Amino acid sequence: MDYSLTRYEQEVVINFNAAEDLADVYTSNPSWINKMDKLVEQNPEQFRMIEVGKLGGKIISKRYLFPKRFVSIRSKDRNMTEEQKQKAAERLRQNRF
């Protein structure tokens, strides 16, 4: 995909309310579009792409719907030491097979 938006214009807007079970995500950020497209592909029962925004024939944004229970906010950064990173990487390698 070729995006012609500036980094400032590449936004992500997550919208939901207390009365409904679905969250609506609008994004013009290429990383988020790729992430959300993968979720739609891997789990179409839960994630749907509902709108494509184009400018001059180029896709510049998309909108998605999914259950709002998947929206999460983290309050802590994980600052890991090199040793912790190596141990985590080793656990990941062991669990892949």
N, C-alpha and C. Protein backbone atom coordinates (compact mmCIF):
# COMPACT_ATOMS: atom_id res chain seq x y z
N MET A 1 0.84 -1.18 0.00
CA MET A 1 0.00 0.00 0.00
C MET A 1 0.88 1.24 0.00
N ASP A 2 0.47 2.22 -0.74
CA ASP A 2 1.21 3.48 -0.79
C ASP A 2 0.38 4.54 -0.07
N TYR A 3 0.89 5.04 1.02
CA TYR A 3 0.19 6.04 1.80
C TYR A 3 0.77 7.41 1.51
N SER A 4 -0.10 8.36 1.27
CA SER A 4 0.38 9.70 0.95
C SER A 4 0.09 10.67 2.10
N LEU A 5 -0.15 10.17 3.29
CA LEU A 5 -0.42 11.04 4.43
C LEU A 5 0.86 11.28 5.22
N THR A 6 0.94 12.45 5.84
CA THR A 6 2.08 12.72 6.72
C THR A 6 1.94 11.88 7.98
N ARG A 7 3.01 11.74 8.72
CA ARG A 7 2.95 10.97 9.97
C ARG A 7 1.95 11.61 10.94
N TYR A 8 1.86 12.92 10.92
CA TYR A 8 0.90 13.62 11.79
C TYR A 8 -0.54 13.24 11.44
N GLU A 9 -0.80 13.02 10.16
CA GLU A 9 -2.15 12.68 9.70
C GLU A 9 -2.49 11.20 9.90
N GLN A 10 -1.53 10.37 10.19
CA GLN A 10 -1.75 8.93 10.34
C GLN A 10 -2.26 8.63 11.75
N GLU A 11 -3.56 8.82 11.92
CA GLU A 11 -4.14 8.73 13.25
C GLU A 11 -4.84 7.39 13.49
N VAL A 12 -5.14 7.14 14.76
CA VAL A 12 -5.92 5.98 15.19
C VAL A 12 -6.97 6.51 16.16
N VAL A 13 -8.24 6.20 15.88
CA VAL A 13 -9.33 6.64 16.74
C VAL A 13 -10.13 5.40 17.14
N ILE A 14 -10.20 5.15 18.46
CA ILE A 14 -10.97 4.02 18.99
C ILE A 14 -12.20 4.59 19.66
N ASN A 15 -13.37 4.10 19.27
CA ASN A 15 -14.63 4.65 19.77
C ASN A 15 -15.54 3.52 20.23
N PHE A 16 -16.09 3.66 21.45
CA PHE A 16 -17.10 2.73 21.93
C PHE A 16 -17.89 3.41 23.03
N ASN A 17 -19.04 2.84 23.35
CA ASN A 17 -19.87 3.42 24.41
C ASN A 17 -20.33 2.33 25.36
N ALA A 18 -20.94 2.73 26.46
CA ALA A 18 -21.36 1.78 27.49
C ALA A 18 -22.53 0.91 27.07
N ALA A 19 -23.34 1.38 26.12
CA ALA A 19 -24.55 0.66 25.74
C ALA A 19 -24.33 -0.47 24.74
N GLU A 20 -23.24 -0.40 23.97
CA GLU A 20 -23.03 -1.38 22.92
C GLU A 20 -21.79 -2.23 23.20
N ASP A 21 -21.77 -3.41 22.59
CA ASP A 21 -20.68 -4.36 22.82
C ASP A 21 -19.52 -4.21 21.85
N LEU A 22 -19.68 -3.39 20.80
CA LEU A 22 -18.65 -3.28 19.78
C LEU A 22 -17.84 -1.99 19.89
N ALA A 23 -16.58 -2.09 19.53
CA ALA A 23 -15.70 -0.93 19.40
C ALA A 23 -15.51 -0.66 17.92
N ASP A 24 -15.36 0.59 17.57
CA ASP A 24 -15.14 1.03 16.19
C ASP A 24 -13.76 1.67 16.14
N VAL A 25 -12.91 1.18 15.25
CA VAL A 25 -11.57 1.75 15.11
C VAL A 25 -11.42 2.32 13.72
N TYR A 26 -11.08 3.59 13.65
CA TYR A 26 -10.72 4.25 12.40
C TYR A 26 -9.22 4.46 12.45
N THR A 27 -8.52 4.10 11.38
CA THR A 27 -7.09 4.35 11.35
C THR A 27 -6.60 4.69 9.95
N SER A 28 -5.68 5.63 9.92
CA SER A 28 -4.97 5.96 8.69
C SER A 28 -3.47 5.72 8.90
N ASN A 29 -3.15 4.94 9.94
CA ASN A 29 -1.78 4.59 10.26
C ASN A 29 -1.46 3.23 9.62
N PRO A 30 -0.48 3.17 8.72
CA PRO A 30 -0.19 1.91 8.00
C PRO A 30 0.10 0.73 8.92
N SER A 31 0.78 0.94 10.03
CA SER A 31 1.06 -0.16 10.96
C SER A 31 -0.22 -0.72 11.56
N TRP A 32 -1.11 0.18 11.93
CA TRP A 32 -2.39 -0.27 12.50
C TRP A 32 -3.26 -0.93 11.45
N ILE A 33 -3.25 -0.42 10.23
CA ILE A 33 -4.02 -1.07 9.15
C ILE A 33 -3.52 -2.50 8.96
N ASN A 34 -2.21 -2.68 8.91
CA ASN A 34 -1.66 -4.04 8.75
C ASN A 34 -2.04 -4.92 9.93
N LYS A 35 -1.93 -4.40 11.14
CA LYS A 35 -2.27 -5.16 12.35
C LYS A 35 -3.74 -5.56 12.33
N MET A 36 -4.61 -4.61 12.03
CA MET A 36 -6.04 -4.90 12.02
C MET A 36 -6.42 -5.84 10.88
N ASP A 37 -5.81 -5.67 9.71
CA ASP A 37 -6.08 -6.59 8.59
C ASP A 37 -5.72 -8.02 8.96
N LYS A 38 -4.62 -8.20 9.68
CA LYS A 38 -4.22 -9.55 10.13
C LYS A 38 -5.25 -10.12 11.10
N LEU A 39 -5.73 -9.29 12.01
CA LEU A 39 -6.76 -9.75 12.94
C LEU A 39 -8.04 -10.16 12.21
N VAL A 40 -8.43 -9.39 11.21
CA VAL A 40 -9.61 -9.72 10.40
C VAL A 40 -9.40 -11.06 9.70
N GLU A 41 -8.22 -11.26 9.15
CA GLU A 41 -7.91 -12.50 8.43
C GLU A 41 -7.88 -13.70 9.38
N GLN A 42 -7.28 -13.53 10.55
CA GLN A 42 -7.13 -14.63 11.50
C GLN A 42 -8.40 -14.93 12.28
N ASN A 43 -9.25 -13.94 12.46
CA ASN A 43 -10.42 -14.10 13.31
C ASN A 43 -11.62 -13.34 12.76
N PRO A 44 -12.13 -13.74 11.59
CA PRO A 44 -13.22 -12.98 10.95
C PRO A 44 -14.54 -13.01 11.71
N GLU A 45 -14.69 -13.94 12.66
CA GLU A 45 -15.91 -13.98 13.46
C GLU A 45 -15.96 -12.81 14.44
N GLN A 46 -14.78 -12.31 14.83
CA GLN A 46 -14.72 -11.26 15.84
C GLN A 46 -14.37 -9.89 15.25
N PHE A 47 -13.53 -9.87 14.21
CA PHE A 47 -13.04 -8.62 13.64
C PHE A 47 -13.54 -8.45 12.21
N ARG A 48 -14.07 -7.25 11.91
CA ARG A 48 -14.55 -6.96 10.55
C ARG A 48 -14.03 -5.61 10.09
N MET A 49 -13.65 -5.56 8.83
CA MET A 49 -13.31 -4.29 8.22
C MET A 49 -14.60 -3.78 7.58
N ILE A 50 -14.99 -2.54 7.88
CA ILE A 50 -16.30 -2.05 7.43
C ILE A 50 -16.23 -0.90 6.45
N GLU A 51 -15.06 -0.29 6.30
CA GLU A 51 -14.96 0.87 5.41
C GLU A 51 -13.52 1.07 4.97
N VAL A 52 -13.36 1.46 3.71
CA VAL A 52 -12.05 1.79 3.17
C VAL A 52 -12.09 3.23 2.68
N GLY A 53 -11.14 4.03 3.13
CA GLY A 53 -11.03 5.41 2.68
C GLY A 53 -9.96 5.52 1.60
N LYS A 54 -10.30 6.18 0.50
CA LYS A 54 -9.35 6.32 -0.60
C LYS A 54 -9.15 7.79 -0.93
N LEU A 55 -7.95 8.07 -1.42
CA LEU A 55 -7.61 9.41 -1.90
C LEU A 55 -6.84 9.23 -3.19
N GLY A 56 -7.40 9.71 -4.29
CA GLY A 56 -6.74 9.53 -5.58
C GLY A 56 -6.53 8.07 -5.95
N GLY A 57 -7.45 7.21 -5.54
CA GLY A 57 -7.34 5.80 -5.83
C GLY A 57 -6.45 5.02 -4.86
N LYS A 58 -5.80 5.70 -3.93
CA LYS A 58 -4.94 5.04 -2.95
C LYS A 58 -5.69 4.86 -1.64
N ILE A 59 -5.53 3.69 -1.04
CA ILE A 59 -6.13 3.44 0.26
C ILE A 59 -5.36 4.25 1.30
N ILE A 60 -6.09 5.08 2.03
CA ILE A 60 -5.42 5.89 3.06
C ILE A 60 -5.97 5.62 4.47
N SER A 61 -7.11 4.93 4.56
CA SER A 61 -7.66 4.65 5.88
C SER A 61 -8.61 3.46 5.80
N LYS A 62 -8.88 2.89 6.98
CA LYS A 62 -9.86 1.81 7.10
C LYS A 62 -10.55 1.93 8.44
N ARG A 63 -11.77 1.37 8.49
CA ARG A 63 -12.53 1.28 9.75
C ARG A 63 -12.83 -0.18 10.04
N TYR A 64 -12.80 -0.51 11.32
CA TYR A 64 -13.01 -1.88 11.76
C TYR A 64 -13.99 -1.91 12.93
N LEU A 65 -14.69 -3.03 13.07
CA LEU A 65 -15.54 -3.29 14.23
C LEU A 65 -15.05 -4.57 14.90
N PHE A 66 -15.06 -4.56 16.23
CA PHE A 66 -14.72 -5.76 16.99
C PHE A 66 -15.26 -5.61 18.40
N PRO A 67 -15.36 -6.70 19.17
CA PRO A 67 -15.88 -6.60 20.54
C PRO A 67 -15.03 -5.68 21.39
N LYS A 68 -15.69 -4.79 22.11
CA LYS A 68 -14.94 -3.80 22.90
C LYS A 68 -14.18 -4.44 24.05
N ARG A 69 -14.49 -5.67 24.39
CA ARG A 69 -13.74 -6.35 25.47
C ARG A 69 -12.27 -6.54 25.09
N PHE A 70 -11.94 -6.42 23.80
CA PHE A 70 -10.56 -6.56 23.36
C PHE A 70 -9.76 -5.26 23.51
N VAL A 71 -10.42 -4.16 23.84
CA VAL A 71 -9.72 -2.90 24.05
C VAL A 71 -9.07 -2.95 25.43
N SER A 72 -7.80 -2.61 25.49
CA SER A 72 -7.05 -2.69 26.74
C SER A 72 -6.08 -1.52 26.84
N ILE A 73 -5.89 -1.03 28.05
CA ILE A 73 -4.92 0.02 28.31
C ILE A 73 -3.91 -0.54 29.31
N ARG A 74 -2.65 -0.40 29.01
CA ARG A 74 -1.60 -0.85 29.93
C ARG A 74 -1.08 0.35 30.71
N SER A 75 -0.81 0.14 31.98
CA SER A 75 -0.34 1.23 32.80
C SER A 75 1.14 1.15 33.14
N LYS A 76 1.81 0.10 32.73
CA LYS A 76 3.23 -0.07 33.05
C LYS A 76 4.02 -0.41 31.81
N ASP A 77 5.19 0.18 31.71
CA ASP A 77 6.15 -0.24 30.69
C ASP A 77 6.90 -1.44 31.24
N ARG A 78 7.27 -2.33 30.37
CA ARG A 78 8.10 -3.45 30.79
C ARG A 78 9.53 -3.12 30.43
N ASN A 79 10.29 -2.67 31.38
CA ASN A 79 11.70 -2.42 31.17
C ASN A 79 12.45 -3.65 31.63
N MET A 80 12.94 -4.42 30.66
CA MET A 80 13.61 -5.67 30.96
C MET A 80 15.12 -5.51 30.83
N THR A 81 15.84 -6.21 31.70
CA THR A 81 17.29 -6.24 31.59
C THR A 81 17.66 -7.14 30.41
N GLU A 82 18.90 -7.08 29.97
CA GLU A 82 19.34 -7.96 28.88
C GLU A 82 19.17 -9.42 29.25
N GLU A 83 19.46 -9.75 30.50
CA GLU A 83 19.30 -11.14 30.96
C GLU A 83 17.84 -11.57 30.89
N GLN A 84 16.91 -10.71 31.31
CA GLN A 84 15.49 -11.02 31.24
C GLN A 84 15.04 -11.19 29.79
N LYS A 85 15.54 -10.35 28.89
CA LYS A 85 15.20 -10.46 27.47
C LYS A 85 15.68 -11.78 26.90
N GLN A 86 16.90 -12.20 27.27
CA GLN A 86 17.45 -13.46 26.77
C GLN A 86 16.64 -14.65 27.29
N LYS A 87 16.26 -14.61 28.56
CA LYS A 87 15.45 -15.70 29.13
C LYS A 87 14.08 -15.75 28.47
N ALA A 88 13.47 -14.60 28.22
CA ALA A 88 12.17 -14.56 27.56
C ALA A 88 12.27 -15.09 26.13
N ALA A 89 13.33 -14.73 25.44
CA ALA A 89 13.53 -15.21 24.07
C ALA A 89 13.72 -16.72 24.06
N GLU A 90 14.44 -17.25 25.03
CA GLU A 90 14.65 -18.69 25.13
C GLU A 90 13.33 -19.41 25.41
N ARG A 91 12.52 -18.87 26.31
CA ARG A 91 11.20 -19.46 26.59
C ARG A 91 10.34 -19.46 25.34
N LEU A 92 10.38 -18.38 24.58
CA LEU A 92 9.61 -18.29 23.35
C LEU A 92 10.06 -19.35 22.35
N ARG A 93 11.37 -19.50 22.19
CA ARG A 93 11.91 -20.53 21.28
C ARG A 93 11.46 -21.92 21.70
N GLN A 94 11.49 -22.21 23.00
CA GLN A 94 11.11 -23.53 23.49
C GLN A 94 9.62 -23.81 23.29
N ASN A 95 8.80 -22.78 23.41
CA ASN A 95 7.35 -22.96 23.30
C ASN A 95 6.84 -22.98 21.87
N ARG A 96 7.67 -22.63 20.92
CA ARG A 96 7.24 -22.63 19.52
C ARG A 96 7.12 -24.03 18.96
N PHE A 97 7.84 -24.98 19.51
CA PHE A 97 7.85 -26.34 18.95
C PHE A 97 7.24 -27.33 19.89
